[in-house]
């Protein structure tokens, strides 16, 4: 148990790591309910530049987790 945590994390991954990343996100939500978790492919919106969205996501969190699968 991580205890009572606050802060934010962004999970960044290639499409082939999507299933692993989803499982990790759900585990983090259970173990650290006070931590805001952002998953880049879920948050992206069409019509807005990909690079800007990723940069904004990185700038808005305390930690970035890059998942390589």
PDB file of N, CA and C in Angstrom:
ATOM      1  N   UNK A   1       0.844  -1.185   0.000  1.00  0.00           N
ATOM      2  CA  UNK A   1       0.000   0.000   0.000  1.00  0.00           C
ATOM      3  C   UNK A   1       0.881   1.238   0.000  1.00  0.00           C
ATOM      4  N   UNK A   2       0.572   2.166  -0.863  1.00  0.00           N
ATOM      5  CA  UNK A   2       1.372   3.379  -0.977  1.00  0.00           C
ATOM      6  C   UNK A   2       0.991   4.442   0.042  1.00  0.00           C
ATOM      7  N   UNK A   3      -0.073   4.238   0.770  1.00  0.00           N
ATOM      8  CA  UNK A   3      -0.511   5.254   1.717  1.00  0.00           C
ATOM      9  C   UNK A   3      -1.246   6.375   1.015  1.00  0.00           C
ATOM     10  N   UNK A   4      -1.490   7.439   1.726  1.00  0.00           N
ATOM     11  CA  UNK A   4      -2.219   8.572   1.153  1.00  0.00           C
ATOM     12  C   UNK A   4      -1.260   9.427   0.338  1.00  0.00           C
ATOM     13  N   UNK A   5      -1.438   9.436  -0.976  1.00  0.00           N
ATOM     14  CA  UNK A   5      -0.555  10.145  -1.885  1.00  0.00           C
ATOM     15  C   UNK A   5      -1.332  11.231  -2.622  1.00  0.00           C
ATOM     16  N   UNK A   6      -0.653  12.269  -3.004  1.00  0.00           N
ATOM     17  CA  UNK A   6      -1.226  13.278  -3.876  1.00  0.00           C
ATOM     18  C   UNK A   6      -0.222  13.580  -4.963  1.00  0.00           C
ATOM     19  N   UNK A   7      -0.671  14.180  -6.017  1.00  0.00           N
ATOM     20  CA  UNK A   7       0.199  14.497  -7.133  1.00  0.00           C
ATOM     21  C   UNK A   7      -0.440  14.009  -8.412  1.00  0.00           C
ATOM     22  N   UNK A   8       0.358  13.967  -9.459  1.00  0.00           N
ATOM     23  CA  UNK A   8      -0.169  13.534 -10.745  1.00  0.00           C
ATOM     24  C   UNK A   8       0.905  12.821 -11.538  1.00  0.00           C
ATOM     25  N   UNK A   9       0.461  11.912 -12.387  1.00  0.00           N
ATOM     26  CA  UNK A   9       1.363  11.139 -13.223  1.00  0.00           C
ATOM     27  C   UNK A   9       0.722  10.979 -14.604  1.00  0.00           C
ATOM     28  N   UNK A  10       1.551  11.021 -15.628  1.00  0.00           N
ATOM     29  CA  UNK A  10       1.089  10.771 -16.987  1.00  0.00           C
ATOM     30  C   UNK A  10       1.736   9.493 -17.480  1.00  0.00           C
ATOM     31  N   UNK A  11       0.923   8.592 -18.023  1.00  0.00           N
ATOM     32  CA  UNK A  11       1.413   7.344 -18.578  1.00  0.00           C
ATOM     33  C   UNK A  11       1.499   7.500 -20.092  1.00  0.00           C
ATOM     34  N   UNK A  12       2.685   7.353 -20.636  1.00  0.00           N
ATOM     35  CA  UNK A  12       2.904   7.503 -22.070  1.00  0.00           C
ATOM     36  C   UNK A  12       3.392   6.171 -22.624  1.00  0.00           C
ATOM     37  N   UNK A  13       2.829   5.742 -23.752  1.00  0.00           N
ATOM     38  CA  UNK A  13       3.131   4.414 -24.253  1.00  0.00           C
ATOM     39  C   UNK A  13       2.828   4.303 -25.739  1.00  0.00           C
ATOM     40  N   UNK A  14       3.414   3.311 -26.383  1.00  0.00           N
ATOM     41  CA  UNK A  14       3.106   2.986 -27.773  1.00  0.00           C
ATOM     42  C   UNK A  14       1.837   2.139 -27.785  1.00  0.00           C
ATOM     43  N   UNK A  15       1.158   2.110 -28.893  1.00  0.00           N
ATOM     44  CA  UNK A  15      -0.133   1.420 -28.968  1.00  0.00           C
ATOM     45  C   UNK A  15      -0.058  -0.050 -28.579  1.00  0.00           C
ATOM     46  N   UNK A  16       1.053  -0.714 -28.844  1.00  0.00           N
ATOM     47  CA  UNK A  16       1.130  -2.129 -28.473  1.00  0.00           C
ATOM     48  C   UNK A  16       1.245  -2.345 -26.967  1.00  0.00           C
ATOM     49  N   UNK A  17       1.462  -1.290 -26.201  1.00  0.00           N
ATOM     50  CA  UNK A  17       1.506  -1.395 -24.742  1.00  0.00           C
ATOM     51  C   UNK A  17       0.221  -0.962 -24.072  1.00  0.00           C
ATOM     52  N   UNK A  18      -0.838  -0.792 -24.858  1.00  0.00           N
ATOM     53  CA  UNK A  18      -2.088  -0.251 -24.312  1.00  0.00           C
ATOM     54  C   UNK A  18      -2.711  -1.140 -23.240  1.00  0.00           C
ATOM     55  N   UNK A  19      -2.737  -2.439 -23.452  1.00  0.00           N
ATOM     56  CA  UNK A  19      -3.352  -3.341 -22.459  1.00  0.00           C
ATOM     57  C   UNK A  19      -2.579  -3.306 -21.135  1.00  0.00           C
ATOM     58  N   UNK A  20      -1.248  -3.358 -21.218  1.00  0.00           N
ATOM     59  CA  UNK A  20      -0.414  -3.280 -20.013  1.00  0.00           C
ATOM     60  C   UNK A  20      -0.642  -1.953 -19.291  1.00  0.00           C
ATOM     61  N   UNK A  21      -0.685  -0.847 -20.052  1.00  0.00           N
ATOM     62  CA  UNK A  21      -0.848   0.481 -19.465  1.00  0.00           C
ATOM     63  C   UNK A  21      -2.201   0.621 -18.786  1.00  0.00           C
ATOM     64  N   UNK A  22      -3.247   0.081 -19.389  1.00  0.00           N
ATOM     65  CA  UNK A  22      -4.582   0.119 -18.770  1.00  0.00           C
ATOM     66  C   UNK A  22      -4.571  -0.621 -17.440  1.00  0.00           C
ATOM     67  N   UNK A  23      -3.954  -1.790 -17.398  1.00  0.00           N
ATOM     68  CA  UNK A  23      -3.865  -2.561 -16.153  1.00  0.00           C
ATOM     69  C   UNK A  23      -3.067  -1.794 -15.096  1.00  0.00           C
ATOM     70  N   UNK A  24      -1.974  -1.162 -15.511  1.00  0.00           N
ATOM     71  CA  UNK A  24      -1.168  -0.367 -14.581  1.00  0.00           C
ATOM     72  C   UNK A  24      -1.974   0.800 -14.034  1.00  0.00           C
ATOM     73  N   UNK A  25      -2.700   1.505 -14.912  1.00  0.00           N
ATOM     74  CA  UNK A  25      -3.526   2.639 -14.484  1.00  0.00           C
ATOM     75  C   UNK A  25      -4.555   2.200 -13.437  1.00  0.00           C
ATOM     76  N   UNK A  26      -5.220   1.089 -13.677  1.00  0.00           N
ATOM     77  CA  UNK A  26      -6.219   0.601 -12.719  1.00  0.00           C
ATOM     78  C   UNK A  26      -5.573   0.209 -11.382  1.00  0.00           C
ATOM     79  N   UNK A  27      -4.406  -0.404 -11.427  1.00  0.00           N
ATOM     80  CA  UNK A  27      -3.702  -0.774 -10.190  1.00  0.00           C
ATOM     81  C   UNK A  27      -3.295   0.475  -9.413  1.00  0.00           C
ATOM     82  N   UNK A  28      -2.773   1.483 -10.118  1.00  0.00           N
ATOM     83  CA  UNK A  28      -2.393   2.731  -9.455  1.00  0.00           C
ATOM     84  C   UNK A  28      -3.613   3.416  -8.832  1.00  0.00           C
ATOM     85  N   UNK A  29      -4.747   3.390  -9.515  1.00  0.00           N
ATOM     86  CA  UNK A  29      -5.963   3.996  -8.960  1.00  0.00           C
ATOM     87  C   UNK A  29      -6.374   3.330  -7.660  1.00  0.00           C
ATOM     88  N   UNK A  30      -6.229   2.004  -7.598  1.00  0.00           N
ATOM     89  CA  UNK A  30      -6.587   1.283  -6.365  1.00  0.00           C
ATOM     90  C   UNK A  30      -5.575   1.542  -5.248  1.00  0.00           C
ATOM     91  N   UNK A  31      -4.296   1.520  -5.585  1.00  0.00           N
ATOM     92  CA  UNK A  31      -3.242   1.625  -4.573  1.00  0.00           C
ATOM     93  C   UNK A  31      -2.938   3.054  -4.141  1.00  0.00           C
ATOM     94  N   UNK A  32      -3.195   4.026  -5.009  1.00  0.00           N
ATOM     95  CA  UNK A  32      -2.878   5.430  -4.712  1.00  0.00           C
ATOM     96  C   UNK A  32      -4.041   6.318  -5.158  1.00  0.00           C
ATOM     97  N   UNK A  33      -5.164   6.240  -4.442  1.00  0.00           N
ATOM     98  CA  UNK A  33      -6.372   6.945  -4.883  1.00  0.00           C
ATOM     99  C   UNK A  33      -6.246   8.468  -4.932  1.00  0.00           C
ATOM    100  N   UNK A  34      -5.286   9.048  -4.248  1.00  0.00           N
ATOM    101  CA  UNK A  34      -5.128  10.502  -4.258  1.00  0.00           C
ATOM    102  C   UNK A  34      -4.284  11.027  -5.411  1.00  0.00           C
ATOM    103  N   UNK A  35      -3.739  10.118  -6.222  1.00  0.00           N
ATOM    104  CA  UNK A  35      -2.872  10.519  -7.330  1.00  0.00           C
ATOM    105  C   UNK A  35      -3.696  10.616  -8.611  1.00  0.00           C
ATOM    106  N   UNK A  36      -3.606  11.756  -9.282  1.00  0.00           N
ATOM    107  CA  UNK A  36      -4.284  11.926 -10.564  1.00  0.00           C
ATOM    108  C   UNK A  36      -3.468  11.198 -11.633  1.00  0.00           C
ATOM    109  N   UNK A  37      -4.130  10.343 -12.406  1.00  0.00           N
ATOM    110  CA  UNK A  37      -3.442   9.554 -13.421  1.00  0.00           C
ATOM    111  C   UNK A  37      -3.992   9.919 -14.793  1.00  0.00           C
ATOM    112  N   UNK A  38      -3.087  10.322 -15.670  1.00  0.00           N
ATOM    113  CA  UNK A  38      -3.471  10.661 -17.041  1.00  0.00           C
ATOM    114  C   UNK A  38      -2.836   9.641 -17.973  1.00  0.00           C
ATOM    115  N   UNK A  39      -3.613   9.187 -18.931  1.00  0.00           N
ATOM    116  CA  UNK A  39      -3.118   8.232 -19.912  1.00  0.00           C
ATOM    117  C   UNK A  39      -3.212   8.893 -21.272  1.00  0.00           C
ATOM    118  N   UNK A  40      -2.079   9.110 -21.926  1.00  0.00           N
ATOM    119  CA  UNK A  40      -2.033   9.997 -23.095  1.00  0.00           C
ATOM    120  C   UNK A  40      -2.987   9.642 -24.220  1.00  0.00           C
ATOM    121  N   UNK A  41      -3.132   8.406 -24.586  1.00  0.00           N
ATOM    122  CA  UNK A  41      -4.008   8.066 -25.709  1.00  0.00           C
ATOM    123  C   UNK A  41      -5.479   8.284 -25.364  1.00  0.00           C
ATOM    124  N   UNK A  42      -5.840   8.242 -24.120  1.00  0.00           N
ATOM    125  CA  UNK A  42      -7.229   8.488 -23.695  1.00  0.00           C
ATOM    126  C   UNK A  42      -7.540   9.984 -23.755  1.00  0.00           C
ATOM    127  N   UNK A  43      -6.586  10.813 -23.384  1.00  0.00           N
ATOM    128  CA  UNK A  43      -6.830  12.254 -23.285  1.00  0.00           C
ATOM    129  C   UNK A  43      -6.734  13.003 -24.609  1.00  0.00           C
ATOM    130  N   UNK A  44      -6.067  12.436 -25.595  1.00  0.00           N
ATOM    131  CA  UNK A  44      -5.875  13.162 -26.858  1.00  0.00           C
ATOM    132  C   UNK A  44      -7.190  13.413 -27.568  1.00  0.00           C
ATOM    133  N   UNK A  45      -7.277  14.572 -28.225  1.00  0.00           N
ATOM    134  CA  UNK A  45      -8.471  14.904 -28.986  1.00  0.00           C
ATOM    135  C   UNK A  45      -8.095  15.183 -30.433  1.00  0.00           C
ATOM    136  N   UNK A  46      -8.962  14.803 -31.339  1.00  0.00           N
ATOM    137  CA  UNK A  46      -8.719  15.011 -32.755  1.00  0.00           C
ATOM    138  C   UNK A  46      -8.728  16.491 -33.109  1.00  0.00           C
ATOM    139  N   UNK A  47      -7.989  16.840 -34.153  1.00  0.00           N
ATOM    140  CA  UNK A  47      -7.965  18.210 -34.623  1.00  0.00           C
ATOM    141  C   UNK A  47      -7.003  19.122 -33.887  1.00  0.00           C
ATOM    142  N   UNK A  48      -6.373  18.612 -32.841  1.00  0.00           N
ATOM    143  CA  UNK A  48      -5.390  19.386 -32.085  1.00  0.00           C
ATOM    144  C   UNK A  48      -4.043  18.698 -32.294  1.00  0.00           C
ATOM    145  N   UNK A  49      -2.999  19.484 -32.481  1.00  0.00           N
ATOM    146  CA  UNK A  49      -1.681  18.911 -32.747  1.00  0.00           C
ATOM    147  C   UNK A  49      -1.232  17.914 -31.697  1.00  0.00           C
ATOM    148  N   UNK A  50      -0.763  16.743 -32.160  1.00  0.00           N
ATOM    149  CA  UNK A  50      -0.317  15.681 -31.265  1.00  0.00           C
ATOM    150  C   UNK A  50       0.810  16.156 -30.361  1.00  0.00           C
ATOM    151  N   UNK A  51       1.793  16.829 -30.938  1.00  0.00           N
ATOM    152  CA  UNK A  51       2.954  17.273 -30.168  1.00  0.00           C
ATOM    153  C   UNK A  51       2.541  18.240 -29.057  1.00  0.00           C
ATOM    154  N   UNK A  52       1.658  19.175 -29.356  1.00  0.00           N
ATOM    155  CA  UNK A  52       1.199  20.131 -28.345  1.00  0.00           C
ATOM    156  C   UNK A  52       0.464  19.410 -27.224  1.00  0.00           C
ATOM    157  N   UNK A  53      -0.375  18.449 -27.566  1.00  0.00           N
ATOM    158  CA  UNK A  53      -1.113  17.714 -26.538  1.00  0.00           C
ATOM    159  C   UNK A  53      -0.168  16.943 -25.621  1.00  0.00           C
ATOM    160  N   UNK A  54       0.850  16.311 -26.199  1.00  0.00           N
ATOM    161  CA  UNK A  54       1.812  15.564 -25.380  1.00  0.00           C
ATOM    162  C   UNK A  54       2.615  16.518 -24.503  1.00  0.00           C
ATOM    163  N   UNK A  55       3.063  17.627 -25.068  1.00  0.00           N
ATOM    164  CA  UNK A  55       3.816  18.625 -24.303  1.00  0.00           C
ATOM    165  C   UNK A  55       2.977  19.175 -23.157  1.00  0.00           C
ATOM    166  N   UNK A  56       1.724  19.507 -23.419  1.00  0.00           N
ATOM    167  CA  UNK A  56       0.828  20.012 -22.375  1.00  0.00           C
ATOM    168  C   UNK A  56       0.626  18.976 -21.278  1.00  0.00           C
ATOM    169  N   UNK A  57       0.482  17.711 -21.670  1.00  0.00           N
ATOM    170  CA  UNK A  57       0.297  16.639 -20.678  1.00  0.00           C
ATOM    171  C   UNK A  57       1.532  16.511 -19.785  1.00  0.00           C
ATOM    172  N   UNK A  58       2.711  16.556 -20.389  1.00  0.00           N
ATOM    173  CA  UNK A  58       3.952  16.441 -19.615  1.00  0.00           C
ATOM    174  C   UNK A  58       4.107  17.627 -18.671  1.00  0.00           C
ATOM    175  N   UNK A  59       3.804  18.815 -19.160  1.00  0.00           N
ATOM    176  CA  UNK A  59       3.934  20.019 -18.335  1.00  0.00           C
ATOM    177  C   UNK A  59       2.922  20.075 -17.188  1.00  0.00           C
ATOM    178  N   UNK A  60       1.847  19.299 -17.278  1.00  0.00           N
ATOM    179  CA  UNK A  60       0.779  19.401 -16.284  1.00  0.00           C
ATOM    180  C   UNK A  60       0.876  18.373 -15.155  1.00  0.00           C
ATOM    181  N   UNK A  61       1.903  17.511 -15.174  1.00  0.00           N
ATOM    182  CA  UNK A  61       2.006  16.463 -14.160  1.00  0.00           C
ATOM    183  C   UNK A  61       3.322  16.543 -13.395  1.00  0.00           C
ATOM    184  N   UNK A  62       3.340  15.858 -12.252  1.00  0.00           N
ATOM    185  CA  UNK A  62       4.554  15.786 -11.439  1.00  0.00           C
ATOM    186  C   UNK A  62       5.523  14.723 -11.949  1.00  0.00           C
ATOM    187  N   UNK A  63       4.975  13.627 -12.522  1.00  0.00           N
ATOM    188  CA  UNK A  63       5.803  12.515 -12.983  1.00  0.00           C
ATOM    189  C   UNK A  63       5.324  12.036 -14.349  1.00  0.00           C
ATOM    190  N   UNK A  64       6.284  11.624 -15.179  1.00  0.00           N
ATOM    191  CA  UNK A  64       5.988  11.027 -16.480  1.00  0.00           C
ATOM    192  C   UNK A  64       6.533   9.611 -16.463  1.00  0.00           C
ATOM    193  N   UNK A  65       5.688   8.651 -16.810  1.00  0.00           N
ATOM    194  CA  UNK A  65       6.104   7.258 -16.900  1.00  0.00           C
ATOM    195  C   UNK A  65       6.038   6.865 -18.376  1.00  0.00           C
ATOM    196  N   UNK A  66       7.185   6.525 -18.941  1.00  0.00           N
ATOM    197  CA  UNK A  66       7.252   6.094 -20.333  1.00  0.00           C
ATOM    198  C   UNK A  66       7.311   4.568 -20.353  1.00  0.00           C
ATOM    199  N   UNK A  67       6.313   3.967 -20.979  1.00  0.00           N
ATOM    200  CA  UNK A  67       6.195   2.504 -20.973  1.00  0.00           C
ATOM    201  C   UNK A  67       6.651   1.963 -22.317  1.00  0.00           C
ATOM    202  N   UNK A  68       7.620   1.080 -22.273  1.00  0.00           N
ATOM    203  CA  UNK A  68       8.159   0.442 -23.474  1.00  0.00           C
ATOM    204  C   UNK A  68       7.796  -1.027 -23.430  1.00  0.00           C
ATOM    205  N   UNK A  69       7.000  -1.483 -24.357  1.00  0.00           N
ATOM    206  CA  UNK A  69       6.581  -2.897 -24.412  1.00  0.00           C
ATOM    207  C   UNK A  69       6.820  -3.431 -25.794  1.00  0.00           C
TER     208      UNK A  69
END
